[in-house]
Amino acid sequence: MTNPADSIEIQNVVASTGIGQELDLEALAEDLPGADFNPDNFPGLVYRTQEPKAAALIFRSGKIVCTGAKSIDDVHEALGIIFEKLRGLQIPVEDDPEITVQNIVSSADLGHNLNLNALAIGLGLEDV
């Protein structure tokens, strides 16, 4: 059997940042090619980067959540692209906004089946 640690893969990194000012998402959706904004379905504007592949959820408050990245470096690169796009639209963004990693989802092959019910009870249901 191989070492389970060898099979660990990052599936998703979620991080947040902000630009410190409110945004007009309707205007931003018109000015930012590829932006998806449908306030009836979701209150934020969605902008996807292709390389690295990630999605930025941009909110009216100026908060930005980056999701779908495969590494912390990809988060920083994707958000750097977003910041440059915003600057190109004359929206002031500080030189190095603070980026906080909120969550990392990973997977691994442990080499055998798990009884998830027994694990949930063993860990304590309030911790699951």
Foldseek 3Di string as FASTA:
>chain_A
DDDQVVFKFWFKWKKKFFQQAFDDQVVVQVLPPQWDDDCVVPQFIWHFDVVVTWIWTAHRRRMIMIMRGRDPVSVVVVVVVVQVSCVVVVNDGDPDTDMGTDDIDMDTCPPDDDDVVVVCVVVDVVVD
